[in-house]
Amino acid sequence: MHERSLVRSLLRQVQALAAEHPTSRVAAVRVRIGEFSGVDPELLQIACEELVAPTALEGAEFMIQCVPLEATCDQCGNAFAVEGYRFQCPKCGSLQLTICGGEELLLDSISMEEVET
């Protein structure tokens, strides 16, 4: 399951950012996963739960936002959601498309909160 290695990389990024703010703790992490990214959101969530427990990030909420596959027609300019992996413009029927969303795996945001000392 490559989701575990992705989560390890993600956690390193979050921990590096958290280290820049020693008086705060990570409250939430938001990740965007494209439908066409090759990453299973459920497996990513399970890997997060397993790998976060023994770290300083334990207790942080991990939110996963799934992004639909989107394209723009190179012929008519129509922007649309690709449904059923049918890579054809629903407006003009062209097969000449540019994918403009749904392939990403991004660390979207991190929410921090001050820790009382």
N, C-alpha and C. Protein backbone atom coordinates (compact mmCIF):
# COMPACT_ATOMS: atom_id res chain seq x y z
N MET A 1 0.86 -1.18 0.00
CA MET A 1 0.00 0.00 0.00
C MET A 1 0.90 1.23 0.00
N HIS A 2 0.91 1.97 -1.10
CA HIS A 2 1.77 3.14 -1.19
C HIS A 2 1.24 4.32 -0.40
N GLU A 3 0.01 4.25 0.09
CA GLU A 3 -0.56 5.32 0.90
C GLU A 3 0.25 5.53 2.17
N ARG A 4 0.81 4.46 2.73
CA ARG A 4 1.63 4.61 3.95
C ARG A 4 2.86 5.46 3.68
N SER A 5 3.53 5.25 2.56
CA SER A 5 4.71 6.06 2.26
C SER A 5 4.30 7.50 1.97
N LEU A 6 3.15 7.70 1.35
CA LEU A 6 2.66 9.06 1.13
C LEU A 6 2.37 9.76 2.45
N VAL A 7 1.77 9.04 3.39
CA VAL A 7 1.47 9.62 4.70
C VAL A 7 2.76 9.93 5.45
N ARG A 8 3.76 9.07 5.36
CA ARG A 8 5.04 9.36 6.02
C ARG A 8 5.63 10.66 5.49
N SER A 9 5.60 10.84 4.19
CA SER A 9 6.10 12.07 3.58
C SER A 9 5.27 13.28 4.03
N LEU A 10 3.98 13.12 4.04
CA LEU A 10 3.08 14.18 4.48
C LEU A 10 3.36 14.56 5.93
N LEU A 11 3.55 13.55 6.79
CA LEU A 11 3.82 13.81 8.20
C LEU A 11 5.15 14.54 8.40
N ARG A 12 6.15 14.20 7.58
CA ARG A 12 7.43 14.93 7.67
C ARG A 12 7.24 16.40 7.34
N GLN A 13 6.42 16.69 6.33
CA GLN A 13 6.15 18.09 5.97
C GLN A 13 5.43 18.81 7.11
N VAL A 14 4.42 18.17 7.66
CA VAL A 14 3.64 18.78 8.74
C VAL A 14 4.52 18.99 9.97
N GLN A 15 5.34 18.00 10.32
CA GLN A 15 6.21 18.13 11.49
C GLN A 15 7.24 19.23 11.30
N ALA A 16 7.77 19.38 10.08
CA ALA A 16 8.73 20.46 9.81
C ALA A 16 8.07 21.82 9.98
N LEU A 17 6.85 21.97 9.50
CA LEU A 17 6.13 23.23 9.68
C LEU A 17 5.78 23.46 11.14
N ALA A 18 5.40 22.42 11.84
CA ALA A 18 5.05 22.54 13.26
C ALA A 18 6.28 22.93 14.08
N ALA A 19 7.45 22.46 13.71
CA ALA A 19 8.69 22.79 14.44
C ALA A 19 9.00 24.28 14.37
N GLU A 20 8.50 24.95 13.35
CA GLU A 20 8.71 26.40 13.22
C GLU A 20 7.85 27.19 14.21
N HIS A 21 6.91 26.51 14.85
CA HIS A 21 5.98 27.15 15.79
C HIS A 21 5.95 26.33 17.09
N PRO A 22 7.02 26.39 17.89
CA PRO A 22 7.13 25.52 19.06
C PRO A 22 6.09 25.77 20.16
N THR A 23 5.43 26.92 20.15
CA THR A 23 4.41 27.18 21.17
C THR A 23 3.01 26.80 20.69
N SER A 24 2.93 26.14 19.56
CA SER A 24 1.64 25.73 19.01
C SER A 24 1.63 24.22 18.76
N ARG A 25 0.43 23.71 18.62
CA ARG A 25 0.28 22.31 18.23
C ARG A 25 -0.59 22.25 17.00
N VAL A 26 -0.41 21.19 16.24
CA VAL A 26 -1.20 21.00 15.03
C VAL A 26 -2.58 20.51 15.45
N ALA A 27 -3.60 21.26 15.07
CA ALA A 27 -4.98 20.89 15.39
C ALA A 27 -5.64 20.14 14.24
N ALA A 28 -5.31 20.55 13.01
CA ALA A 28 -5.96 19.93 11.85
C ALA A 28 -5.04 20.01 10.63
N VAL A 29 -5.17 19.00 9.79
CA VAL A 29 -4.43 18.93 8.54
C VAL A 29 -5.44 18.64 7.44
N ARG A 30 -5.41 19.44 6.39
CA ARG A 30 -6.34 19.23 5.27
C ARG A 30 -5.54 18.82 4.04
N VAL A 31 -5.96 17.72 3.43
CA VAL A 31 -5.30 17.16 2.25
C VAL A 31 -6.32 17.08 1.12
N ARG A 32 -5.89 17.44 -0.09
CA ARG A 32 -6.73 17.33 -1.28
C ARG A 32 -6.23 16.16 -2.12
N ILE A 33 -7.15 15.25 -2.46
CA ILE A 33 -6.80 14.08 -3.25
C ILE A 33 -7.67 14.06 -4.51
N GLY A 34 -7.01 14.08 -5.65
CA GLY A 34 -7.73 14.03 -6.92
C GLY A 34 -8.23 12.62 -7.21
N GLU A 35 -9.38 12.57 -7.83
CA GLU A 35 -10.02 11.31 -8.21
C GLU A 35 -9.09 10.47 -9.10
N PHE A 36 -8.24 11.12 -9.87
CA PHE A 36 -7.36 10.46 -10.83
C PHE A 36 -5.92 10.42 -10.34
N SER A 37 -5.71 10.58 -9.03
CA SER A 37 -4.35 10.63 -8.47
C SER A 37 -3.74 9.25 -8.23
N GLY A 38 -4.57 8.24 -8.21
CA GLY A 38 -4.07 6.90 -7.90
C GLY A 38 -3.97 6.63 -6.41
N VAL A 39 -4.54 7.51 -5.60
CA VAL A 39 -4.51 7.36 -4.15
C VAL A 39 -5.92 7.06 -3.66
N ASP A 40 -6.04 6.02 -2.85
CA ASP A 40 -7.33 5.64 -2.28
C ASP A 40 -7.55 6.45 -1.00
N PRO A 41 -8.56 7.34 -0.97
CA PRO A 41 -8.79 8.17 0.22
C PRO A 41 -9.00 7.37 1.50
N GLU A 42 -9.70 6.24 1.42
CA GLU A 42 -9.93 5.42 2.61
C GLU A 42 -8.62 4.84 3.15
N LEU A 43 -7.78 4.34 2.25
CA LEU A 43 -6.50 3.79 2.68
C LEU A 43 -5.59 4.88 3.23
N LEU A 44 -5.67 6.09 2.66
CA LEU A 44 -4.87 7.21 3.17
C LEU A 44 -5.32 7.56 4.58
N GLN A 45 -6.64 7.58 4.82
CA GLN A 45 -7.17 7.89 6.15
C GLN A 45 -6.72 6.84 7.16
N ILE A 46 -6.78 5.58 6.79
CA ILE A 46 -6.34 4.50 7.68
C ILE A 46 -4.86 4.65 8.00
N ALA A 47 -4.05 4.93 6.98
CA ALA A 47 -2.61 5.10 7.18
C ALA A 47 -2.34 6.29 8.10
N CYS A 48 -3.11 7.37 7.95
CA CYS A 48 -2.95 8.54 8.84
C CYS A 48 -3.21 8.13 10.28
N GLU A 49 -4.30 7.43 10.50
CA GLU A 49 -4.65 7.02 11.86
C GLU A 49 -3.57 6.13 12.47
N GLU A 50 -3.01 5.23 11.68
CA GLU A 50 -1.99 4.32 12.19
C GLU A 50 -0.66 5.02 12.45
N LEU A 51 -0.26 5.90 11.54
CA LEU A 51 1.08 6.49 11.63
C LEU A 51 1.15 7.74 12.50
N VAL A 52 0.03 8.37 12.78
CA VAL A 52 0.03 9.58 13.60
C VAL A 52 0.10 9.23 15.09
N ALA A 53 -0.48 8.12 15.47
CA ALA A 53 -0.60 7.76 16.89
C ALA A 53 0.71 7.88 17.68
N PRO A 54 1.84 7.38 17.17
CA PRO A 54 3.05 7.46 17.98
C PRO A 54 3.83 8.78 17.82
N THR A 55 3.21 9.82 17.28
CA THR A 55 3.93 11.08 17.04
C THR A 55 3.30 12.22 17.82
N ALA A 56 3.96 13.38 17.76
CA ALA A 56 3.45 14.59 18.40
C ALA A 56 2.18 15.11 17.71
N LEU A 57 1.84 14.55 16.58
CA LEU A 57 0.64 14.97 15.85
C LEU A 57 -0.60 14.23 16.30
N GLU A 58 -0.43 13.32 17.25
CA GLU A 58 -1.58 12.56 17.74
C GLU A 58 -2.64 13.53 18.26
N GLY A 59 -3.86 13.31 17.87
CA GLY A 59 -4.96 14.18 18.27
C GLY A 59 -5.33 15.20 17.21
N ALA A 60 -4.47 15.39 16.23
CA ALA A 60 -4.78 16.32 15.15
C ALA A 60 -5.84 15.68 14.25
N GLU A 61 -6.73 16.51 13.74
CA GLU A 61 -7.76 16.02 12.84
C GLU A 61 -7.21 16.03 11.41
N PHE A 62 -7.35 14.92 10.71
CA PHE A 62 -6.93 14.83 9.32
C PHE A 62 -8.17 14.81 8.45
N MET A 63 -8.30 15.85 7.63
CA MET A 63 -9.45 15.99 6.76
C MET A 63 -9.00 15.75 5.32
N ILE A 64 -9.71 14.90 4.64
CA ILE A 64 -9.38 14.57 3.26
C ILE A 64 -10.50 15.07 2.36
N GLN A 65 -10.14 15.92 1.41
CA GLN A 65 -11.10 16.44 0.44
C GLN A 65 -10.84 15.76 -0.90
N CYS A 66 -11.84 15.10 -1.43
CA CYS A 66 -11.71 14.44 -2.73
C CYS A 66 -12.07 15.44 -3.83
N VAL A 67 -11.20 15.52 -4.83
CA VAL A 67 -11.37 16.47 -5.93
C VAL A 67 -11.77 15.69 -7.18
N PRO A 68 -12.87 16.08 -7.81
CA PRO A 68 -13.30 15.36 -9.02
C PRO A 68 -12.36 15.62 -10.20
N LEU A 69 -12.37 14.71 -11.13
CA LEU A 69 -11.59 14.84 -12.36
C LEU A 69 -12.28 15.88 -13.24
N GLU A 70 -11.54 16.92 -13.63
CA GLU A 70 -12.09 18.00 -14.43
C GLU A 70 -11.23 18.24 -15.66
N ALA A 71 -11.88 18.66 -16.74
CA ALA A 71 -11.17 18.91 -17.99
C ALA A 71 -11.75 20.13 -18.68
N THR A 72 -10.97 20.66 -19.60
CA THR A 72 -11.41 21.75 -20.47
C THR A 72 -11.21 21.28 -21.90
N CYS A 73 -12.22 21.52 -22.72
CA CYS A 73 -12.16 21.13 -24.13
C CYS A 73 -11.25 22.10 -24.88
N ASP A 74 -10.29 21.55 -25.61
CA ASP A 74 -9.38 22.38 -26.39
C ASP A 74 -10.07 22.97 -27.63
N GLN A 75 -11.19 22.40 -28.04
CA GLN A 75 -11.92 22.88 -29.22
C GLN A 75 -12.86 24.03 -28.89
N CYS A 76 -13.73 23.82 -27.90
CA CYS A 76 -14.77 24.83 -27.64
C CYS A 76 -14.59 25.57 -26.32
N GLY A 77 -13.63 25.13 -25.49
CA GLY A 77 -13.37 25.82 -24.22
C GLY A 77 -14.28 25.42 -23.08
N ASN A 78 -15.16 24.47 -23.30
CA ASN A 78 -16.08 24.01 -22.26
C ASN A 78 -15.32 23.34 -21.12
N ALA A 79 -15.58 23.79 -19.88
CA ALA A 79 -15.00 23.16 -18.69
C ALA A 79 -16.06 22.23 -18.10
N PHE A 80 -15.66 21.02 -17.73
CA PHE A 80 -16.63 20.05 -17.26
C PHE A 80 -15.97 19.00 -16.36
N ALA A 81 -16.80 18.34 -15.56
CA ALA A 81 -16.34 17.21 -14.75
C ALA A 81 -16.36 15.97 -15.63
N VAL A 82 -15.27 15.22 -15.60
CA VAL A 82 -15.18 13.98 -16.38
C VAL A 82 -15.89 12.90 -15.56
N GLU A 83 -16.92 12.33 -16.13
CA GLU A 83 -17.69 11.31 -15.42
C GLU A 83 -17.51 9.97 -16.10
N GLY A 84 -17.32 8.94 -15.30
CA GLY A 84 -17.16 7.59 -15.82
C GLY A 84 -15.91 7.45 -16.69
N TYR A 85 -14.93 8.31 -16.44
CA TYR A 85 -13.68 8.31 -17.21
C TYR A 85 -13.92 8.41 -18.71
N ARG A 86 -14.96 9.13 -19.06
CA ARG A 86 -15.27 9.38 -20.47
C ARG A 86 -14.61 10.71 -20.85
N PHE A 87 -13.50 10.62 -21.54
CA PHE A 87 -12.70 11.78 -21.90
C PHE A 87 -13.17 12.34 -23.25
N GLN A 88 -14.39 12.89 -23.22
CA GLN A 88 -14.98 13.48 -24.41
C GLN A 88 -15.82 14.67 -23.97
N CYS A 89 -15.69 15.77 -24.69
CA CYS A 89 -16.45 16.97 -24.35
C CYS A 89 -17.95 16.71 -24.52
N PRO A 90 -18.74 16.95 -23.47
CA PRO A 90 -20.18 16.72 -23.59
C PRO A 90 -20.88 17.79 -24.46
N LYS A 91 -20.20 18.88 -24.72
CA LYS A 91 -20.80 19.96 -25.51
C LYS A 91 -20.59 19.78 -27.02
N CYS A 92 -19.31 19.50 -27.41
CA CYS A 92 -19.03 19.42 -28.85
C CYS A 92 -18.56 18.04 -29.31
N GLY A 93 -18.30 17.13 -28.36
CA GLY A 93 -17.89 15.78 -28.70
C GLY A 93 -16.40 15.60 -28.96
N SER A 94 -15.63 16.66 -28.82
CA SER A 94 -14.19 16.57 -29.08
C SER A 94 -13.49 15.67 -28.06
N LEU A 95 -12.43 15.04 -28.53
CA LEU A 95 -11.59 14.21 -27.65
C LEU A 95 -10.31 14.95 -27.26
N GLN A 96 -10.17 16.18 -27.73
CA GLN A 96 -8.99 16.98 -27.43
C GLN A 96 -9.25 17.79 -26.17
N LEU A 97 -8.75 17.27 -25.05
CA LEU A 97 -9.03 17.85 -23.75
C LEU A 97 -7.75 18.15 -23.01
N THR A 98 -7.85 19.08 -22.06
CA THR A 98 -6.77 19.35 -21.12
C THR A 98 -7.31 19.06 -19.73
N ILE A 99 -6.64 18.16 -19.01
CA ILE A 99 -7.04 17.87 -17.63
C ILE A 99 -6.63 19.06 -16.77
N CYS A 100 -7.57 19.58 -15.99
CA CYS A 100 -7.26 20.77 -15.18
C CYS A 100 -7.53 20.55 -13.69
N GLY A 101 -7.84 19.35 -13.29
CA GLY A 101 -8.05 19.06 -11.88
C GLY A 101 -8.38 17.60 -11.68
N GLY A 102 -8.05 17.12 -10.49
CA GLY A 102 -8.38 15.74 -10.17
C GLY A 102 -7.21 14.79 -10.20
N GLU A 103 -6.01 15.30 -10.47
CA GLU A 103 -4.82 14.45 -10.48
C GLU A 103 -3.91 14.73 -9.27
N GLU A 104 -4.30 15.67 -8.44
CA GLU A 104 -3.41 16.15 -7.39
C GLU A 104 -3.48 15.35 -6.09
N LEU A 105 -2.41 15.46 -5.35
CA LEU A 105 -2.34 15.06 -3.95
C LEU A 105 -1.59 16.19 -3.27
N LEU A 106 -2.33 17.04 -2.54
CA LEU A 106 -1.76 18.26 -1.99
C LEU A 106 -2.00 18.38 -0.50
N LEU A 107 -0.99 18.85 0.20
CA LEU A 107 -1.16 19.30 1.58
C LEU A 107 -1.77 20.68 1.46
N ASP A 108 -3.06 20.79 1.70
CA ASP A 108 -3.80 22.02 1.45
C ASP A 108 -3.61 23.04 2.55
N SER A 109 -3.75 22.61 3.81
CA SER A 109 -3.59 23.56 4.93
C SER A 109 -3.32 22.82 6.23
N ILE A 110 -2.76 23.58 7.14
CA ILE A 110 -2.51 23.09 8.50
C ILE A 110 -3.07 24.14 9.45
N SER A 111 -3.87 23.71 10.40
CA SER A 111 -4.39 24.62 11.43
C SER A 111 -3.62 24.37 12.72
N MET A 112 -3.16 25.47 13.31
CA MET A 112 -2.38 25.38 14.54
C MET A 112 -3.15 26.09 15.64
N GLU A 113 -2.90 25.67 16.88
CA GLU A 113 -3.48 26.38 18.02
C GLU A 113 -2.40 26.50 19.09
N GLU A 114 -2.47 27.62 19.80
CA GLU A 114 -1.50 27.89 20.85
C GLU A 114 -1.64 26.88 21.98
N VAL A 115 -0.51 26.48 22.52
CA VAL A 115 -0.51 25.56 23.64
C VAL A 115 -0.28 26.37 24.92
N GLU A 116 -1.13 26.14 25.88
CA GLU A 116 -0.98 26.86 27.16
C GLU A 116 0.17 26.24 27.93
N THR A 117 1.03 27.10 28.43
CA THR A 117 2.19 26.58 29.21
C THR A 117 2.07 26.92 30.65
